[in-house]
Amino acid sequence: MTRVYISLGSNIHREHYITAALDALDVWFDELLISSVYESESVGFDGFPFYNLVVGVDTALTVAELSSRFKQLEADNGRRRDVPRFSARTLDLDILTYGDEVGRVDGVELPRGEILTNAFVLRPLAEIAPADIHPVCGKRYDELWQAYDRDQKLWPVDFTWQGRLISRAATR
């Protein structure tokens, strides 16, 4: 079994599509390690805010098999591929890491570069895997988050899945 971290995002009917993704992952994998759900401004285009989170799973599936499943899940949930890369989307699932794999594996670049550049990926990853080591830079995810210095705003939101609160908004 290999530990895989997956980022999930949506800025169209966010609760609906994030719930659909979690439901599918719950069917495919024995146990889900789920971060808080964060709302963030869209990056790279003007659009509605996103909901983002990271899920950890253990799997025997290959990178190609995971990628295929995720693309199909996105398509089943209305994800369009005929629009610009930076645009609104119903659902986006990306493999962030696959064990300690480094490089291009089955057409997927590992680890995903967004880990080091986007707060909406690094913060939830650091939340659920603080002591795990980034396979290229050799630093722990919690250290990478503490050192993060880009101006990307995000905040936790209340989010309920399968009748339980999995994320709570920050109190002011």
N, C-alpha and C. Protein backbone atom coordinates (compact mmCIF):
# COMPACT_ATOMS: atom_id res chain seq x y z
N MET A 1 0.84 -1.19 0.00
CA MET A 1 0.00 0.00 0.00
C MET A 1 0.89 1.26 0.00
N THR A 2 0.42 2.24 -0.70
CA THR A 2 1.15 3.51 -0.81
C THR A 2 0.27 4.63 -0.29
N ARG A 3 0.87 5.52 0.50
CA ARG A 3 0.14 6.70 0.98
C ARG A 3 0.13 7.73 -0.14
N VAL A 4 -1.07 8.21 -0.44
CA VAL A 4 -1.28 9.20 -1.48
C VAL A 4 -2.04 10.38 -0.88
N TYR A 5 -1.60 11.58 -1.22
CA TYR A 5 -2.32 12.78 -0.83
C TYR A 5 -2.94 13.40 -2.08
N ILE A 6 -4.21 13.77 -1.96
CA ILE A 6 -5.01 14.25 -3.08
C ILE A 6 -5.58 15.61 -2.70
N SER A 7 -5.46 16.58 -3.60
CA SER A 7 -6.12 17.86 -3.36
C SER A 7 -7.46 17.87 -4.06
N LEU A 8 -8.45 18.47 -3.41
CA LEU A 8 -9.79 18.61 -3.96
C LEU A 8 -10.14 20.09 -3.95
N GLY A 9 -10.78 20.54 -5.03
CA GLY A 9 -11.18 21.93 -5.09
C GLY A 9 -12.43 22.11 -5.93
N SER A 10 -13.20 23.15 -5.61
CA SER A 10 -14.40 23.49 -6.36
C SER A 10 -14.77 24.94 -6.10
N ASN A 11 -15.22 25.63 -7.17
CA ASN A 11 -15.77 26.97 -6.94
C ASN A 11 -17.13 27.14 -7.62
N ILE A 12 -17.76 26.04 -7.98
CA ILE A 12 -19.12 26.03 -8.51
C ILE A 12 -19.92 25.05 -7.66
N HIS A 13 -20.99 25.50 -7.02
CA HIS A 13 -21.78 24.64 -6.12
C HIS A 13 -20.83 23.82 -5.24
N ARG A 14 -20.00 24.53 -4.53
CA ARG A 14 -18.85 23.96 -3.81
C ARG A 14 -19.20 22.81 -2.87
N GLU A 15 -20.19 23.01 -2.02
CA GLU A 15 -20.54 21.95 -1.07
C GLU A 15 -20.98 20.69 -1.79
N HIS A 16 -21.78 20.86 -2.81
CA HIS A 16 -22.29 19.71 -3.56
C HIS A 16 -21.14 18.89 -4.16
N TYR A 17 -20.23 19.55 -4.85
CA TYR A 17 -19.18 18.82 -5.56
C TYR A 17 -18.09 18.28 -4.63
N ILE A 18 -17.77 19.00 -3.57
CA ILE A 18 -16.80 18.47 -2.60
C ILE A 18 -17.41 17.24 -1.91
N THR A 19 -18.68 17.30 -1.57
CA THR A 19 -19.36 16.15 -0.98
C THR A 19 -19.36 14.97 -1.94
N ALA A 20 -19.64 15.21 -3.21
CA ALA A 20 -19.63 14.13 -4.21
C ALA A 20 -18.25 13.48 -4.30
N ALA A 21 -17.21 14.29 -4.27
CA ALA A 21 -15.85 13.75 -4.34
C ALA A 21 -15.52 12.92 -3.09
N LEU A 22 -15.86 13.44 -1.92
CA LEU A 22 -15.60 12.69 -0.69
C LEU A 22 -16.38 11.38 -0.68
N ASP A 23 -17.63 11.41 -1.15
CA ASP A 23 -18.43 10.19 -1.21
C ASP A 23 -17.75 9.15 -2.11
N ALA A 24 -17.25 9.56 -3.26
CA ALA A 24 -16.58 8.63 -4.17
C ALA A 24 -15.30 8.08 -3.55
N LEU A 25 -14.50 8.96 -2.95
CA LEU A 25 -13.26 8.50 -2.31
C LEU A 25 -13.56 7.52 -1.18
N ASP A 26 -14.64 7.76 -0.47
CA ASP A 26 -15.04 6.88 0.63
C ASP A 26 -15.39 5.48 0.14
N VAL A 27 -15.95 5.39 -1.06
CA VAL A 27 -16.27 4.09 -1.65
C VAL A 27 -15.00 3.39 -2.12
N TRP A 28 -14.06 4.14 -2.67
CA TRP A 28 -12.85 3.55 -3.26
C TRP A 28 -11.78 3.15 -2.25
N PHE A 29 -11.72 3.84 -1.12
CA PHE A 29 -10.62 3.63 -0.18
C PHE A 29 -11.16 3.29 1.21
N ASP A 30 -10.39 2.50 1.96
CA ASP A 30 -10.82 2.04 3.28
C ASP A 30 -10.98 3.17 4.28
N GLU A 31 -10.01 4.06 4.31
CA GLU A 31 -10.04 5.12 5.32
C GLU A 31 -9.56 6.41 4.68
N LEU A 32 -10.24 7.50 4.99
CA LEU A 32 -9.85 8.81 4.48
C LEU A 32 -9.30 9.66 5.61
N LEU A 33 -8.17 10.25 5.39
CA LEU A 33 -7.60 11.23 6.31
C LEU A 33 -7.94 12.59 5.69
N ILE A 34 -8.85 13.34 6.32
CA ILE A 34 -9.43 14.54 5.70
C ILE A 34 -9.00 15.79 6.45
N SER A 35 -8.48 16.76 5.71
CA SER A 35 -8.13 18.05 6.31
C SER A 35 -9.39 18.88 6.52
N SER A 36 -9.21 20.01 7.15
CA SER A 36 -10.28 21.01 7.18
C SER A 36 -10.54 21.46 5.75
N VAL A 37 -11.73 22.04 5.55
CA VAL A 37 -12.07 22.62 4.26
C VAL A 37 -11.77 24.11 4.37
N TYR A 38 -11.03 24.62 3.37
CA TYR A 38 -10.63 26.03 3.36
C TYR A 38 -11.28 26.75 2.19
N GLU A 39 -11.69 27.96 2.45
CA GLU A 39 -12.15 28.82 1.37
C GLU A 39 -10.98 29.72 0.99
N SER A 40 -10.80 29.90 -0.31
CA SER A 40 -9.70 30.74 -0.76
C SER A 40 -10.12 31.50 -2.01
N GLU A 41 -9.43 32.61 -2.21
CA GLU A 41 -9.65 33.39 -3.42
C GLU A 41 -9.17 32.57 -4.61
N SER A 42 -9.78 32.78 -5.76
CA SER A 42 -9.30 32.09 -6.96
C SER A 42 -7.91 32.63 -7.31
N VAL A 43 -7.07 31.74 -7.82
CA VAL A 43 -5.69 32.10 -8.17
C VAL A 43 -5.55 31.95 -9.69
N GLY A 44 -5.07 33.01 -10.33
CA GLY A 44 -4.83 32.96 -11.77
C GLY A 44 -5.97 33.48 -12.61
N PHE A 45 -7.12 33.76 -12.00
CA PHE A 45 -8.26 34.31 -12.73
C PHE A 45 -9.23 34.92 -11.74
N ASP A 46 -10.10 35.80 -12.24
CA ASP A 46 -11.15 36.39 -11.41
C ASP A 46 -12.33 35.42 -11.39
N GLY A 47 -12.67 34.94 -10.22
CA GLY A 47 -13.78 33.99 -10.11
C GLY A 47 -14.24 33.90 -8.67
N PHE A 48 -15.29 33.12 -8.48
CA PHE A 48 -15.81 32.90 -7.15
C PHE A 48 -14.76 32.17 -6.30
N PRO A 49 -14.80 32.36 -4.98
CA PRO A 49 -13.86 31.66 -4.10
C PRO A 49 -14.01 30.14 -4.20
N PHE A 50 -12.93 29.46 -3.94
CA PHE A 50 -12.88 28.00 -3.97
C PHE A 50 -13.04 27.43 -2.57
N TYR A 51 -13.52 26.21 -2.51
CA TYR A 51 -13.33 25.35 -1.35
C TYR A 51 -12.21 24.39 -1.73
N ASN A 52 -11.24 24.23 -0.82
CA ASN A 52 -10.12 23.32 -1.03
C ASN A 52 -9.88 22.50 0.22
N LEU A 53 -9.41 21.29 0.02
CA LEU A 53 -8.97 20.43 1.11
C LEU A 53 -8.02 19.39 0.56
N VAL A 54 -7.40 18.65 1.46
CA VAL A 54 -6.51 17.55 1.08
C VAL A 54 -6.99 16.29 1.79
N VAL A 55 -6.95 15.18 1.05
CA VAL A 55 -7.34 13.88 1.59
C VAL A 55 -6.17 12.93 1.42
N GLY A 56 -5.87 12.19 2.48
CA GLY A 56 -4.84 11.15 2.42
C GLY A 56 -5.50 9.78 2.38
N VAL A 57 -4.97 8.90 1.53
CA VAL A 57 -5.48 7.53 1.42
C VAL A 57 -4.30 6.58 1.27
N ASP A 58 -4.53 5.33 1.62
CA ASP A 58 -3.57 4.27 1.35
C ASP A 58 -4.17 3.42 0.24
N THR A 59 -3.38 3.12 -0.78
CA THR A 59 -3.92 2.41 -1.94
C THR A 59 -2.87 1.52 -2.60
N ALA A 60 -3.38 0.51 -3.29
CA ALA A 60 -2.54 -0.34 -4.13
C ALA A 60 -2.68 0.06 -5.60
N LEU A 61 -3.56 1.03 -5.89
CA LEU A 61 -3.75 1.50 -7.25
C LEU A 61 -2.49 2.23 -7.74
N THR A 62 -2.23 2.15 -9.03
CA THR A 62 -1.11 2.87 -9.61
C THR A 62 -1.48 4.33 -9.82
N VAL A 63 -0.47 5.15 -10.13
CA VAL A 63 -0.72 6.55 -10.43
C VAL A 63 -1.66 6.66 -11.63
N ALA A 64 -1.44 5.83 -12.66
CA ALA A 64 -2.29 5.86 -13.85
C ALA A 64 -3.73 5.51 -13.50
N GLU A 65 -3.93 4.51 -12.66
CA GLU A 65 -5.28 4.12 -12.27
C GLU A 65 -5.96 5.22 -11.46
N LEU A 66 -5.23 5.83 -10.54
CA LEU A 66 -5.79 6.93 -9.76
C LEU A 66 -6.15 8.10 -10.66
N SER A 67 -5.22 8.48 -11.53
CA SER A 67 -5.45 9.60 -12.43
C SER A 67 -6.68 9.37 -13.30
N SER A 68 -6.83 8.17 -13.81
CA SER A 68 -7.98 7.83 -14.65
C SER A 68 -9.28 7.94 -13.85
N ARG A 69 -9.29 7.41 -12.64
CA ARG A 69 -10.49 7.49 -11.79
C ARG A 69 -10.86 8.93 -11.49
N PHE A 70 -9.83 9.73 -11.18
CA PHE A 70 -10.10 11.12 -10.81
C PHE A 70 -10.62 11.92 -12.00
N LYS A 71 -10.05 11.70 -13.18
CA LYS A 71 -10.54 12.39 -14.38
C LYS A 71 -11.99 11.99 -14.68
N GLN A 72 -12.30 10.72 -14.49
CA GLN A 72 -13.68 10.27 -14.73
C GLN A 72 -14.63 10.88 -13.70
N LEU A 73 -14.21 10.93 -12.43
CA LEU A 73 -15.03 11.53 -11.39
C LEU A 73 -15.28 13.01 -11.70
N GLU A 74 -14.24 13.71 -12.12
CA GLU A 74 -14.41 15.11 -12.50
C GLU A 74 -15.42 15.24 -13.65
N ALA A 75 -15.27 14.40 -14.67
CA ALA A 75 -16.18 14.44 -15.82
C ALA A 75 -17.61 14.12 -15.40
N ASP A 76 -17.76 13.11 -14.55
CA ASP A 76 -19.09 12.73 -14.06
C ASP A 76 -19.76 13.86 -13.29
N ASN A 77 -18.95 14.77 -12.78
CA ASN A 77 -19.46 15.89 -12.01
C ASN A 77 -19.39 17.22 -12.78
N GLY A 78 -19.41 17.12 -14.09
CA GLY A 78 -19.54 18.30 -14.92
C GLY A 78 -18.29 19.09 -15.20
N ARG A 79 -17.12 18.55 -14.89
CA ARG A 79 -15.86 19.26 -15.17
C ARG A 79 -15.67 19.35 -16.68
N ARG A 80 -15.41 20.56 -17.15
CA ARG A 80 -15.21 20.78 -18.57
C ARG A 80 -13.72 20.93 -18.85
N ARG A 81 -13.27 20.32 -19.92
CA ARG A 81 -11.86 20.39 -20.33
C ARG A 81 -11.66 21.35 -21.51
N ASP A 82 -12.76 21.91 -22.02
CA ASP A 82 -12.67 22.78 -23.19
C ASP A 82 -12.67 24.26 -22.80
N VAL A 83 -12.22 24.55 -21.58
CA VAL A 83 -12.15 25.92 -21.09
C VAL A 83 -10.69 26.20 -20.68
N PRO A 84 -10.34 27.47 -20.51
CA PRO A 84 -8.97 27.79 -20.10
C PRO A 84 -8.59 27.08 -18.79
N ARG A 85 -7.30 26.80 -18.65
CA ARG A 85 -6.80 26.10 -17.46
C ARG A 85 -7.20 26.82 -16.18
N PHE A 86 -7.04 28.12 -16.15
CA PHE A 86 -7.40 28.90 -14.98
C PHE A 86 -8.81 29.44 -15.17
N SER A 87 -9.79 28.66 -14.73
CA SER A 87 -11.19 29.06 -14.85
C SER A 87 -12.00 28.34 -13.78
N ALA A 88 -13.26 28.74 -13.67
CA ALA A 88 -14.15 28.12 -12.68
C ALA A 88 -14.29 26.64 -12.98
N ARG A 89 -14.49 25.84 -11.91
CA ARG A 89 -14.66 24.41 -12.11
C ARG A 89 -15.54 23.80 -11.04
N THR A 90 -16.27 22.78 -11.47
CA THR A 90 -17.13 22.06 -10.54
C THR A 90 -16.29 21.24 -9.58
N LEU A 91 -15.27 20.59 -10.13
CA LEU A 91 -14.48 19.68 -9.30
C LEU A 91 -13.09 19.52 -9.90
N ASP A 92 -12.09 19.56 -9.03
CA ASP A 92 -10.70 19.38 -9.44
C ASP A 92 -10.05 18.46 -8.41
N LEU A 93 -9.52 17.33 -8.87
CA LEU A 93 -8.77 16.41 -8.01
C LEU A 93 -7.38 16.25 -8.59
N ASP A 94 -6.37 16.43 -7.75
CA ASP A 94 -4.99 16.29 -8.18
C ASP A 94 -4.22 15.41 -7.22
N ILE A 95 -3.40 14.52 -7.76
CA ILE A 95 -2.49 13.72 -6.95
C ILE A 95 -1.34 14.63 -6.55
N LEU A 96 -1.18 14.86 -5.26
CA LEU A 96 -0.09 15.69 -4.76
C LEU A 96 1.18 14.90 -4.59
N THR A 97 1.06 13.76 -3.91
CA THR A 97 2.20 12.87 -3.71
C THR A 97 1.72 11.43 -3.84
N TYR A 98 2.64 10.58 -4.21
CA TYR A 98 2.38 9.14 -4.29
C TYR A 98 3.59 8.49 -3.63
N GLY A 99 3.47 8.22 -2.33
CA GLY A 99 4.62 7.74 -1.57
C GLY A 99 5.74 8.76 -1.68
N ASP A 100 6.94 8.25 -1.97
CA ASP A 100 8.11 9.12 -2.13
C ASP A 100 8.50 9.28 -3.60
N GLU A 101 7.58 8.96 -4.50
CA GLU A 101 7.87 9.04 -5.94
C GLU A 101 8.24 10.47 -6.34
N VAL A 102 9.24 10.56 -7.21
CA VAL A 102 9.70 11.85 -7.72
C VAL A 102 9.85 11.73 -9.23
N GLY A 103 9.36 12.73 -9.94
CA GLY A 103 9.49 12.76 -11.39
C GLY A 103 8.15 12.52 -12.06
N ARG A 104 8.19 12.28 -13.35
CA ARG A 104 6.97 12.05 -14.13
C ARG A 104 6.63 10.57 -14.05
N VAL A 105 5.48 10.27 -13.47
CA VAL A 105 5.01 8.90 -13.31
C VAL A 105 3.65 8.79 -13.99
N ASP A 106 3.56 7.95 -14.99
CA ASP A 106 2.29 7.77 -15.71
C ASP A 106 1.68 9.10 -16.14
N GLY A 107 2.53 10.03 -16.55
CA GLY A 107 2.05 11.33 -17.03
C GLY A 107 1.76 12.34 -15.95
N VAL A 108 2.00 12.01 -14.69
CA VAL A 108 1.73 12.91 -13.56
C VAL A 108 3.06 13.31 -12.93
N GLU A 109 3.27 14.61 -12.78
CA GLU A 109 4.49 15.11 -12.15
C GLU A 109 4.36 14.99 -10.63
N LEU A 110 5.32 14.28 -10.02
CA LEU A 110 5.30 14.04 -8.57
C LEU A 110 6.60 14.49 -7.93
N PRO A 111 6.52 15.10 -6.77
CA PRO A 111 5.31 15.63 -6.15
C PRO A 111 4.79 16.83 -6.94
N ARG A 112 3.53 17.14 -6.78
CA ARG A 112 2.92 18.24 -7.53
C ARG A 112 3.52 19.57 -7.07
N GLY A 113 3.88 20.40 -8.03
CA GLY A 113 4.53 21.68 -7.73
C GLY A 113 3.71 22.61 -6.86
N GLU A 114 2.39 22.50 -6.94
CA GLU A 114 1.51 23.38 -6.16
C GLU A 114 1.72 23.25 -4.66
N ILE A 115 2.28 22.15 -4.22
CA ILE A 115 2.51 21.99 -2.79
C ILE A 115 3.34 23.16 -2.26
N LEU A 116 4.35 23.55 -3.00
CA LEU A 116 5.26 24.60 -2.54
C LEU A 116 4.81 26.01 -2.91
N THR A 117 3.82 26.14 -3.79
CA THR A 117 3.45 27.48 -4.26
C THR A 117 2.07 27.95 -3.82
N ASN A 118 1.15 27.06 -3.51
CA ASN A 118 -0.21 27.47 -3.20
C ASN A 118 -0.62 27.13 -1.77
N ALA A 119 -1.03 28.17 -1.05
CA ALA A 119 -1.45 28.00 0.34
C ALA A 119 -2.61 27.03 0.45
N PHE A 120 -3.51 27.04 -0.53
CA PHE A 120 -4.70 26.17 -0.46
C PHE A 120 -4.36 24.70 -0.62
N VAL A 121 -3.12 24.40 -0.98
CA VAL A 121 -2.64 23.02 -1.02
C VAL A 121 -1.76 22.73 0.19
N LEU A 122 -0.80 23.62 0.44
CA LEU A 122 0.17 23.37 1.51
C LEU A 122 -0.45 23.39 2.90
N ARG A 123 -1.33 24.35 3.18
CA ARG A 123 -1.90 24.43 4.54
C ARG A 123 -2.68 23.17 4.91
N PRO A 124 -3.64 22.69 4.07
CA PRO A 124 -4.34 21.47 4.47
C PRO A 124 -3.43 20.24 4.49
N LEU A 125 -2.43 20.20 3.62
CA LEU A 125 -1.48 19.08 3.65
C LEU A 125 -0.68 19.10 4.94
N ALA A 126 -0.22 20.27 5.35
CA ALA A 126 0.53 20.40 6.61
C ALA A 126 -0.35 20.05 7.81
N GLU A 127 -1.64 20.28 7.68
CA GLU A 127 -2.57 19.96 8.77
C GLU A 127 -2.68 18.46 8.99
N ILE A 128 -2.78 17.67 7.92
CA ILE A 128 -3.00 16.23 8.08
C ILE A 128 -1.71 15.40 8.01
N ALA A 129 -0.63 16.00 7.53
CA ALA A 129 0.65 15.27 7.42
C ALA A 129 1.81 16.16 7.85
N PRO A 130 1.73 16.74 9.06
CA PRO A 130 2.74 17.72 9.46
C PRO A 130 4.18 17.18 9.47
N ALA A 131 4.36 15.95 9.87
CA ALA A 131 5.71 15.39 10.00
C ALA A 131 6.19 14.68 8.74
N ASP A 132 5.32 14.54 7.74
CA ASP A 132 5.76 13.91 6.49
C ASP A 132 6.75 14.84 5.79
N ILE A 133 7.65 14.24 5.04
CA ILE A 133 8.72 14.97 4.38
C ILE A 133 8.44 15.13 2.89
N HIS A 134 8.59 16.36 2.40
CA HIS A 134 8.47 16.60 0.96
C HIS A 134 9.61 15.84 0.28
N PRO A 135 9.31 14.97 -0.69
CA PRO A 135 10.33 14.09 -1.25
C PRO A 135 11.41 14.78 -2.08
N VAL A 136 11.26 16.05 -2.39
CA VAL A 136 12.29 16.75 -3.15
C VAL A 136 13.09 17.70 -2.26
N CYS A 137 12.41 18.58 -1.53
CA CYS A 137 13.15 19.57 -0.74
C CYS A 137 13.58 19.04 0.63
N GLY A 138 13.01 17.90 1.05
CA GLY A 138 13.46 17.26 2.29
C GLY A 138 12.98 17.92 3.56
N LYS A 139 12.00 18.82 3.47
CA LYS A 139 11.48 19.49 4.67
C LYS A 139 10.11 18.94 5.02
N ARG A 140 9.79 19.03 6.31
CA ARG A 140 8.47 18.61 6.78
C ARG A 140 7.42 19.60 6.28
N TYR A 141 6.19 19.09 6.08
CA TYR A 141 5.13 19.96 5.57
C TYR A 141 4.77 21.05 6.57
N ASP A 142 4.83 20.77 7.87
CA ASP A 142 4.53 21.83 8.84
C ASP A 142 5.61 22.92 8.79
N GLU A 143 6.86 22.54 8.56
CA GLU A 143 7.93 23.54 8.42
C GLU A 143 7.73 24.38 7.16
N LEU A 144 7.35 23.72 6.09
CA LEU A 144 7.10 24.45 4.85
C LEU A 144 5.95 25.44 5.02
N TRP A 145 4.90 25.03 5.75
CA TRP A 145 3.78 25.95 5.96
C TRP A 145 4.20 27.12 6.84
N GLN A 146 4.96 26.86 7.90
CA GLN A 146 5.41 27.93 8.79
C GLN A 146 6.27 28.95 8.04
N ALA A 147 7.01 28.49 7.04
CA ALA A 147 7.89 29.38 6.28
C ALA A 147 7.21 30.00 5.06
N TYR A 148 5.97 29.62 4.80
CA TYR A 148 5.26 30.10 3.61
C TYR A 148 5.08 31.61 3.69
N ASP A 149 5.45 32.32 2.64
CA ASP A 149 5.42 33.78 2.72
C ASP A 149 4.73 34.46 1.53
N ARG A 150 3.93 33.72 0.79
CA ARG A 150 3.19 34.33 -0.32
C ARG A 150 1.89 34.92 0.19
N ASP A 151 1.37 35.87 -0.56
CA ASP A 151 0.14 36.55 -0.15
C ASP A 151 -1.08 35.86 -0.76
N GLN A 152 -1.40 34.68 -0.25
CA GLN A 152 -2.62 33.97 -0.64
C GLN A 152 -3.46 33.80 0.61
N LYS A 153 -4.65 34.34 0.55
CA LYS A 153 -5.52 34.28 1.72
C LYS A 153 -6.43 33.05 1.65
N LEU A 154 -6.55 32.39 2.78
CA LEU A 154 -7.51 31.30 2.90
C LEU A 154 -7.91 31.18 4.36
N TRP A 155 -9.09 30.60 4.57
CA TRP A 155 -9.62 30.50 5.92
C TRP A 155 -10.48 29.24 6.00
N PRO A 156 -10.47 28.58 7.18
CA PRO A 156 -11.30 27.38 7.33
C PRO A 156 -12.78 27.74 7.38
N VAL A 157 -13.60 26.83 6.88
CA VAL A 157 -15.05 27.02 6.88
C VAL A 157 -15.72 25.83 7.55
N ASP A 158 -16.94 26.05 8.02
CA ASP A 158 -17.73 24.93 8.52
C ASP A 158 -18.09 24.04 7.34
N PHE A 159 -17.89 22.75 7.51
CA PHE A 159 -18.25 21.81 6.45
C PHE A 159 -18.66 20.50 7.11
N THR A 160 -19.86 20.04 6.75
CA THR A 160 -20.38 18.79 7.29
C THR A 160 -20.42 17.76 6.18
N TRP A 161 -19.94 16.55 6.48
CA TRP A 161 -19.96 15.45 5.53
C TRP A 161 -20.41 14.20 6.26
N GLN A 162 -21.36 13.48 5.70
CA GLN A 162 -21.93 12.27 6.28
C GLN A 162 -22.39 12.50 7.72
N GLY A 163 -23.00 13.66 7.93
CA GLY A 163 -23.59 13.97 9.23
C GLY A 163 -22.62 14.40 10.30
N ARG A 164 -21.35 14.56 9.96
CA ARG A 164 -20.39 14.99 10.99
C ARG A 164 -19.63 16.23 10.50
N LEU A 165 -19.36 17.10 11.44
CA LEU A 165 -18.62 18.32 11.14
C LEU A 165 -17.16 17.94 10.95
N ILE A 166 -16.66 18.07 9.72
CA ILE A 166 -15.25 17.73 9.47
C ILE A 166 -14.37 18.96 9.43
N SER A 167 -14.99 20.13 9.42
CA SER A 167 -14.23 21.37 9.36
C SER A 167 -15.00 22.45 10.10
N ARG A 168 -14.27 23.27 10.82
CA ARG A 168 -14.91 24.34 11.58
C ARG A 168 -14.25 25.66 11.20
N ALA A 169 -15.10 26.68 10.99
CA ALA A 169 -14.60 28.02 10.70
C ALA A 169 -13.84 28.56 11.89
N ALA A 170 -12.85 29.36 11.61
CA ALA A 170 -12.06 29.98 12.68
C ALA A 170 -12.96 30.95 13.44
N THR A 171 -12.80 30.97 14.74
CA THR A 171 -13.55 31.93 15.56
C THR A 171 -12.81 33.25 15.55
N ARG A 172 -13.57 34.29 15.57
CA ARG A 172 -12.93 35.62 15.51
C ARG A 172 -12.86 36.23 16.88
